[in-house]
Amino acid sequence: MRLVFVTQSVDAEDPILGATVAKLRALAQRCDELVVITDHVGAHDLPANCTLRTFGSRTKIGRGLRYLRALVPQLLRRDRPHAVIAHMCPIYLVLAAPPAKLVRVPLALWYTHWTIDRTLKLATALADVGLSVDRRSYPLDDPKVLGIGHGIDVAQFAARNGLPQPNGTLRLLALGRTSPSKGFATLVRACARARADGVDLQVEIHGASSTDEERRHRRELEALIDEQGLQGAVELGEPVPRPAVPALVRSFDAVVNTTRGQTSGGALDKVVYESAACAVPIFACNPYFDEFLGGLPVELHFGSEDDADLARVLGAFADADPARREEAGRELRRRVETGHSVDSWADAVVATVRRLHG
């Protein structure tokens, strides 16, 4: 099987897109050849049957032209690819559609985000199949969309052995850009409520502030921490290099994901699955995590943007027996292994492509 995979970046150290490398490696293991067309190449350990082509340019027009110059020769080869897979950026599929359809190469779009625009609608109409973590994490309701799991590198995000050394303080970690959509203000307010209820806790928030909005919101969060009297209890830190994330996650009692739930579909943050792969309990508010976080010996799901509800579940978790916390972590690890690993994800992609060819 030959596949063409189009993505923004191939860089294992990228704090946002670094997880793509493990997915590519798993796909390459199932292909005769995997051609990756990308804007940027950094650190990676992709095998020899993975060919990299770049289309980086200082202008959008330049990137588009270089992208097509990299793609079209692949479509015109005698041994044509079995599919072109566009990763997260619908424009990649839209630009690929005319030449790909001319030579009858199927098109797939991997997308897990709440943003709906004309490009996504057009890409979905042009695609032969849409792929996402869950059908609900693809923001358009279309029968061609399949949920195939997230694709977590369970070797990199290995399970921890036992619980961190207890010291009477509940230590919580939150990861993500300082965007308002990440809901960190809800976490700060919930911490203030929980501490007022007698819960001894400390929180570290680590994330990038790359845009004007994110820098502005970081300042708002800093002011909120001061306003709530949480200096020393809540730390707003810098982003963590991706290779350091697994060890950091394993060192905390639990991780909190306050990314807002969306009514029209939305991203199921990979940090939830990565934390779960480490056998670390993860609190989340997105309603689409109801099944993944359900049926555990401790409650981990809370209402979106509901700081009172988050404070409630944090208090219950602080009071929970350590054995129940550890059991919840082990079960979460099992759920990632069976439904959200890079191997299960790559198997599903290859099986989907084969179905497209009858």
Protein backbone atom coordinates (compact mmCIF):
# COMPACT_ATOMS: atom_id res chain seq x y z
CA MET A 1 0.00 0.00 0.00
CA ARG A 2 1.15 3.54 -0.85
CA LEU A 3 -0.27 6.51 1.03
CA VAL A 4 0.24 10.27 0.79
CA PHE A 5 -0.16 12.09 4.09
CA VAL A 6 -0.30 15.91 4.23
CA THR A 7 0.36 17.72 7.51
CA GLN A 8 1.62 21.04 8.83
CA SER A 9 4.69 19.79 10.67
CA VAL A 10 6.82 16.70 11.18
CA ASP A 11 8.63 17.51 14.40
CA ALA A 12 8.56 15.30 17.48
CA GLU A 13 9.49 18.31 19.63
CA ASP A 14 6.60 20.48 18.47
CA PRO A 15 4.42 21.07 21.59
CA ILE A 16 1.20 20.95 19.55
CA LEU A 17 1.87 18.76 16.50
CA GLY A 18 4.62 16.53 17.88
CA ALA A 19 2.19 13.62 18.30
CA THR A 20 1.86 13.38 14.52
CA VAL A 21 5.28 11.72 14.23
CA ALA A 22 4.16 8.62 16.14
CA LYS A 23 1.08 8.33 13.91
CA LEU A 24 3.22 8.56 10.80
CA ARG A 25 5.60 5.93 12.13
CA ALA A 26 2.70 3.55 12.81
CA LEU A 27 1.26 4.16 9.33
CA ALA A 28 4.65 3.61 7.68
CA GLN A 29 4.91 0.22 9.41
CA ARG A 30 1.72 -0.80 7.59
CA CYS A 31 2.65 0.58 4.14
CA ASP A 32 5.09 -0.21 1.38
CA GLU A 33 5.65 3.54 1.09
CA LEU A 34 4.37 6.56 2.97
CA VAL A 35 4.92 9.94 1.32
CA VAL A 36 4.59 12.82 3.77
CA ILE A 37 4.08 16.31 2.36
CA THR A 38 4.60 18.94 5.04
CA ASP A 39 5.36 22.59 5.62
CA HIS A 40 8.13 21.93 8.12
CA VAL A 41 10.46 19.06 9.09
CA GLY A 42 12.19 18.89 12.45
CA ALA A 43 13.18 16.04 14.74
CA HIS A 44 11.75 12.63 13.84
CA ASP A 45 12.56 8.93 13.76
CA LEU A 46 10.53 7.90 10.72
CA PRO A 47 11.58 4.70 8.93
CA ALA A 48 13.26 4.44 5.53
CA ASN A 49 10.01 3.77 3.64
CA CYS A 50 8.75 7.21 4.68
CA THR A 51 9.57 9.93 2.12
CA LEU A 52 9.37 13.59 3.16
CA ARG A 53 8.51 16.46 0.82
CA THR A 54 8.26 20.07 2.03
CA PHE A 55 6.25 23.01 0.75
CA GLY A 56 7.28 25.76 3.16
CA SER A 57 7.15 29.30 1.79
CA ARG A 58 6.81 32.84 3.11
CA THR A 59 3.47 33.38 1.31
CA LYS A 60 0.19 31.46 1.09
CA ILE A 61 0.37 31.41 -2.70
CA GLY A 62 3.92 30.11 -2.54
CA ARG A 63 2.93 27.35 -0.12
CA GLY A 64 -0.01 26.36 -2.30
CA LEU A 65 2.09 26.15 -5.46
CA ARG A 66 4.88 24.23 -3.76
CA TYR A 67 2.33 21.88 -2.21
CA LEU A 68 0.85 21.03 -5.60
CA ARG A 69 4.33 20.60 -7.10
CA ALA A 70 5.04 18.02 -4.39
CA LEU A 71 1.66 16.28 -4.64
CA VAL A 72 0.91 16.03 -8.36
CA PRO A 73 3.95 13.88 -9.29
CA GLN A 74 2.84 11.38 -6.65
CA LEU A 75 -0.61 11.20 -8.21
CA LEU A 76 0.81 10.70 -11.70
CA ARG A 77 3.08 7.80 -10.79
CA ARG A 78 2.22 4.43 -12.34
CA ASP A 79 1.86 2.99 -8.84
CA ARG A 80 -0.58 5.65 -7.69
CA PRO A 81 -1.23 6.13 -3.98
CA HIS A 82 -4.16 4.29 -2.48
CA ALA A 83 -5.29 7.53 -0.83
CA VAL A 84 -4.33 11.09 0.06
CA ILE A 85 -4.90 11.85 3.75
CA ALA A 86 -5.15 15.50 4.78
CA HIS A 87 -4.35 16.04 8.46
CA MET A 88 -6.33 18.75 10.31
CA CYS A 89 -6.14 21.41 7.56
CA PRO A 90 -9.13 21.10 5.19
CA ILE A 91 -7.43 23.34 2.61
CA TYR A 92 -4.95 20.54 1.92
CA LEU A 93 -7.80 18.32 0.76
CA VAL A 94 -9.51 21.08 -1.24
CA LEU A 95 -6.31 21.80 -3.20
CA ALA A 96 -5.66 18.08 -3.73
CA ALA A 97 -9.18 17.30 -4.95
CA PRO A 98 -8.96 18.33 -8.66
CA PRO A 99 -5.84 16.30 -9.56
CA ALA A 100 -6.72 13.43 -7.20
CA LYS A 101 -10.22 13.01 -8.57
CA LEU A 102 -8.90 13.19 -12.12
CA VAL A 103 -6.83 10.05 -11.50
CA ARG A 104 -9.38 8.51 -9.08
CA VAL A 105 -7.28 8.57 -5.93
CA PRO A 106 -9.51 8.62 -2.80
CA LEU A 107 -9.33 11.55 -0.39
CA ALA A 108 -9.56 11.35 3.42
CA LEU A 109 -9.66 14.20 5.95
CA TRP A 110 -8.59 13.73 9.58
CA TYR A 111 -10.20 16.52 11.59
CA THR A 112 -11.01 16.99 15.26
CA HIS A 113 -11.92 20.56 16.12
CA TRP A 114 -15.04 22.64 16.68
CA THR A 115 -14.30 25.20 13.94
CA ILE A 116 -16.72 25.11 11.00
CA ASP A 117 -16.03 27.27 7.97
CA ARG A 118 -16.60 27.17 4.23
CA THR A 119 -13.32 25.37 3.64
CA LEU A 120 -14.26 22.55 6.01
CA LYS A 121 -17.70 22.22 4.41
CA LEU A 122 -16.16 22.08 0.94
CA ALA A 123 -13.45 19.63 2.03
CA THR A 124 -16.05 17.36 3.62
CA ALA A 125 -18.13 17.40 0.44
CA LEU A 126 -15.06 16.54 -1.66
CA ALA A 127 -13.68 13.87 0.68
CA ASP A 128 -14.42 10.20 0.25
CA VAL A 129 -14.25 9.77 4.03
CA GLY A 130 -13.87 11.94 7.11
CA LEU A 131 -11.91 10.60 10.08
CA SER A 132 -11.98 11.81 13.67
CA VAL A 133 -11.56 10.62 17.24
CA ASP A 134 -15.31 10.14 17.51
CA ARG A 135 -18.09 10.99 15.09
CA ARG A 136 -19.10 13.71 17.56
CA SER A 137 -15.63 15.31 17.47
CA TYR A 138 -16.11 16.11 13.78
CA PRO A 139 -18.20 19.29 13.82
CA LEU A 140 -20.31 18.42 10.75
CA ASP A 141 -22.93 15.69 10.82
CA ASP A 142 -22.10 13.66 7.73
CA PRO A 143 -22.59 9.90 7.18
CA LYS A 144 -19.13 9.57 5.64
CA VAL A 145 -17.44 10.51 8.96
CA LEU A 146 -15.93 7.68 11.01
CA GLY A 147 -14.67 7.71 14.60
CA ILE A 148 -11.39 5.78 14.88
CA GLY A 149 -9.82 6.89 18.18
CA HIS A 150 -7.08 9.42 18.86
CA GLY A 151 -3.78 7.62 18.21
CA ILE A 152 -1.66 7.99 21.37
CA ASP A 153 1.91 6.72 21.52
CA VAL A 154 1.45 4.41 24.51
CA ALA A 155 5.17 3.60 24.53
CA GLN A 156 6.12 7.25 24.97
CA PHE A 157 3.23 7.86 27.40
CA ALA A 158 3.97 4.78 29.49
CA ALA A 159 1.97 3.92 32.60
CA ARG A 160 3.44 5.04 35.88
CA ASN A 161 4.24 2.52 38.60
CA GLY A 162 2.11 3.34 41.62
CA LEU A 163 1.10 6.76 42.89
CA PRO A 164 3.30 9.80 43.62
CA GLN A 165 4.62 9.96 47.17
CA PRO A 166 1.73 11.41 49.23
CA ASN A 167 2.38 14.61 51.17
CA GLY A 168 -1.17 15.62 52.06
CA THR A 169 -1.47 18.08 49.17
CA LEU A 170 -3.45 17.27 46.01
CA ARG A 171 -1.12 18.18 43.12
CA LEU A 172 -2.85 18.97 39.84
CA LEU A 173 -1.49 19.70 36.36
CA ALA A 174 -3.14 21.50 33.43
CA LEU A 175 -1.62 21.76 29.95
CA GLY A 176 -2.60 23.89 26.98
CA ARG A 177 -2.33 27.23 25.27
CA THR A 178 -3.52 30.21 27.31
CA SER A 179 -6.55 30.61 25.08
CA PRO A 180 -9.93 31.46 26.65
CA SER A 181 -11.32 28.28 25.06
CA LYS A 182 -9.04 26.21 27.32
CA GLY A 183 -11.09 27.27 30.34
CA PHE A 184 -8.23 27.91 32.75
CA ALA A 185 -10.23 30.64 34.47
CA THR A 186 -12.73 27.95 35.49
CA LEU A 187 -9.87 25.95 37.02
CA VAL A 188 -8.55 28.94 38.96
CA ARG A 189 -12.00 29.73 40.40
CA ALA A 190 -12.60 26.06 41.22
CA CYS A 191 -9.30 25.96 43.12
CA ALA A 192 -10.36 28.95 45.17
CA ARG A 193 -13.67 27.24 45.99
CA ALA A 194 -12.00 23.94 46.86
CA ARG A 195 -9.44 25.58 49.13
CA ALA A 196 -12.25 27.49 50.86
CA ASP A 197 -13.84 24.07 51.50
CA GLY A 198 -10.64 22.84 53.12
CA VAL A 199 -9.00 21.02 50.21
CA ASP A 200 -5.21 21.38 50.29
CA LEU A 201 -4.14 21.58 46.66
CA GLN A 202 -1.53 23.00 44.33
CA VAL A 203 -1.91 23.52 40.59
CA GLU A 204 0.57 24.04 37.79
CA ILE A 205 -0.68 25.36 34.45
CA HIS A 206 1.78 25.10 31.56
CA GLY A 207 1.09 26.45 28.10
CA ALA A 208 2.23 28.66 25.28
CA SER A 209 1.03 32.22 24.68
CA SER A 210 1.73 32.69 20.98
CA THR A 211 -1.03 35.04 19.82
CA ASP A 212 -2.22 38.44 21.02
CA GLU A 213 -5.35 36.81 22.42
CA GLU A 214 -3.35 34.20 24.31
CA ARG A 215 -0.94 36.79 25.73
CA ARG A 216 -3.85 38.96 26.80
CA HIS A 217 -5.59 36.02 28.45
CA ARG A 218 -2.39 35.04 30.28
CA ARG A 219 -2.38 38.49 31.87
CA GLU A 220 -6.05 38.02 32.78
CA LEU A 221 -5.27 34.68 34.41
CA GLU A 222 -2.39 36.18 36.37
CA ALA A 223 -4.72 38.91 37.63
CA LEU A 224 -7.38 36.32 38.54
CA ILE A 225 -4.85 34.27 40.51
CA ASP A 226 -3.94 37.38 42.50
CA GLU A 227 -7.58 38.37 42.93
CA GLN A 228 -8.47 34.93 44.32
CA GLY A 229 -5.49 34.95 46.70
CA LEU A 230 -3.94 31.89 45.09
CA GLN A 231 -0.32 33.04 44.90
CA GLY A 232 1.79 30.01 45.74
CA ALA A 233 -1.14 27.63 45.17
CA VAL A 234 -1.63 28.14 41.43
CA GLU A 235 1.41 28.57 39.20
CA LEU A 236 1.09 29.77 35.60
CA GLY A 237 4.18 28.45 33.87
CA GLU A 238 5.72 28.25 30.44
CA PRO A 239 5.10 25.51 27.85
CA VAL A 240 6.84 22.19 28.41
CA PRO A 241 8.91 20.58 25.63
CA ARG A 242 6.94 17.64 24.33
CA PRO A 243 9.56 14.98 25.20
CA ALA A 244 9.30 16.09 28.85
CA VAL A 245 5.50 15.88 29.04
CA PRO A 246 5.07 12.16 29.94
CA ALA A 247 7.37 12.33 32.98
CA LEU A 248 5.73 15.58 34.09
CA VAL A 249 2.24 14.07 33.85
CA ARG A 250 3.27 10.97 35.83
CA SER A 251 4.59 13.15 38.69
CA PHE A 252 1.15 14.65 39.51
CA ASP A 253 -1.82 13.17 41.33
CA ALA A 254 -4.15 14.10 38.46
CA VAL A 255 -4.49 16.27 35.37
CA VAL A 256 -7.33 18.73 34.74
CA ASN A 257 -8.65 19.57 31.27
CA THR A 258 -11.07 22.50 31.28
CA THR A 259 -11.37 22.91 27.51
CA ARG A 260 -14.92 24.04 26.90
CA GLY A 261 -17.49 21.65 25.56
CA GLN A 262 -19.03 22.61 22.23
CA THR A 263 -22.62 22.10 21.13
CA SER A 264 -21.72 21.53 17.46
CA GLY A 265 -18.94 19.00 17.96
CA GLY A 266 -15.45 19.69 19.08
CA ALA A 267 -11.92 18.64 19.74
CA LEU A 268 -11.36 15.80 22.17
CA ASP A 269 -8.04 17.07 23.52
CA LYS A 270 -5.24 14.55 23.15
CA VAL A 271 -3.89 15.60 26.57
CA VAL A 272 -6.83 13.70 28.08
CA TYR A 273 -5.83 10.48 26.34
CA GLU A 274 -2.10 11.05 26.90
CA SER A 275 -2.66 11.54 30.63
CA ALA A 276 -4.87 8.45 30.71
CA ALA A 277 -2.16 6.47 28.91
CA CYS A 278 0.17 7.38 31.80
CA ALA A 279 -2.39 5.80 34.16
CA VAL A 280 -2.99 9.25 35.66
CA PRO A 281 -6.59 10.27 36.43
CA ILE A 282 -7.76 13.11 34.19
CA PHE A 283 -10.64 15.48 34.94
CA ALA A 284 -12.46 16.79 31.85
CA CYS A 285 -15.63 18.75 31.10
CA ASN A 286 -16.20 18.10 27.39
CA PRO A 287 -19.51 16.17 27.29
CA TYR A 288 -18.11 13.85 24.65
CA PHE A 289 -15.77 12.32 27.25
CA ASP A 290 -18.80 10.91 29.06
CA GLU A 291 -18.17 7.34 27.91
CA PHE A 292 -14.37 7.43 28.18
CA LEU A 293 -14.48 8.77 31.75
CA GLY A 294 -17.60 6.89 32.82
CA GLY A 295 -17.84 3.86 35.09
CA LEU A 296 -14.67 4.57 37.07
CA PRO A 297 -14.16 4.21 40.84
CA VAL A 298 -13.71 8.00 41.11
CA GLU A 299 -15.72 10.75 39.41
CA LEU A 300 -13.67 12.63 36.80
CA HIS A 301 -16.28 14.36 34.63
CA PHE A 302 -17.64 17.83 35.48
CA GLY A 303 -19.81 20.48 33.87
CA SER A 304 -18.31 22.73 31.21
CA GLU A 305 -17.39 26.18 32.60
CA ASP A 306 -18.84 25.12 35.99
CA ASP A 307 -16.24 25.95 38.65
CA ALA A 308 -18.57 24.85 41.46
CA ASP A 309 -18.95 21.39 39.93
CA LEU A 310 -15.21 21.10 39.34
CA ALA A 311 -14.55 22.10 42.97
CA ARG A 312 -17.00 19.39 44.04
CA VAL A 313 -15.28 16.59 42.09
CA LEU A 314 -11.83 17.81 43.19
CA GLY A 315 -12.95 17.61 46.81
CA ALA A 316 -14.34 14.11 46.34
CA PHE A 317 -11.12 13.02 44.64
CA ALA A 318 -9.01 14.46 47.46
CA ASP A 319 -11.04 12.37 49.92
CA ALA A 320 -10.92 9.19 47.79
CA ASP A 321 -8.95 6.16 48.88
CA PRO A 322 -5.57 5.97 47.08
CA ALA A 323 -6.42 2.47 45.87
CA ARG A 324 -9.48 3.82 44.01
CA ARG A 325 -7.38 6.53 42.37
CA GLU A 326 -4.83 3.95 41.24
CA GLU A 327 -7.55 1.61 39.94
CA ALA A 328 -9.05 4.48 37.92
CA GLY A 329 -5.66 5.22 36.39
CA ARG A 330 -5.09 1.60 35.41
CA GLU A 331 -8.51 1.36 33.76
CA LEU A 332 -7.92 4.59 31.83
CA ARG A 333 -4.63 3.18 30.55
CA ARG A 334 -6.45 0.04 29.39
CA ARG A 335 -9.05 2.12 27.54
CA VAL A 336 -6.35 4.04 25.67
CA GLU A 337 -4.51 0.86 24.74
CA THR A 338 -7.62 -0.76 23.27
CA GLY A 339 -9.22 2.19 21.50
CA HIS A 340 -6.87 5.16 21.23
CA SER A 341 -3.33 3.91 20.60
CA VAL A 342 -1.27 4.74 17.50
CA ASP A 343 -1.53 1.09 16.49
CA SER A 344 -5.33 0.95 16.71
CA TRP A 345 -5.49 4.31 14.89
CA ALA A 346 -3.18 3.20 12.05
CA ASP A 347 -5.02 -0.11 11.70
CA ALA A 348 -8.28 1.80 11.33
CA VAL A 349 -6.83 4.18 8.71
CA VAL A 350 -5.48 1.30 6.61
CA ALA A 351 -8.74 -0.66 6.93
CA THR A 352 -10.71 2.43 5.84
CA VAL A 353 -8.51 2.95 2.78
CA ARG A 354 -8.92 -0.68 1.79
CA ARG A 355 -12.71 -0.36 2.03
CA LEU A 356 -12.58 2.65 -0.28
CA HIS A 357 -10.96 0.39 -2.87
CA GLY A 358 -13.67 -2.24 -2.49
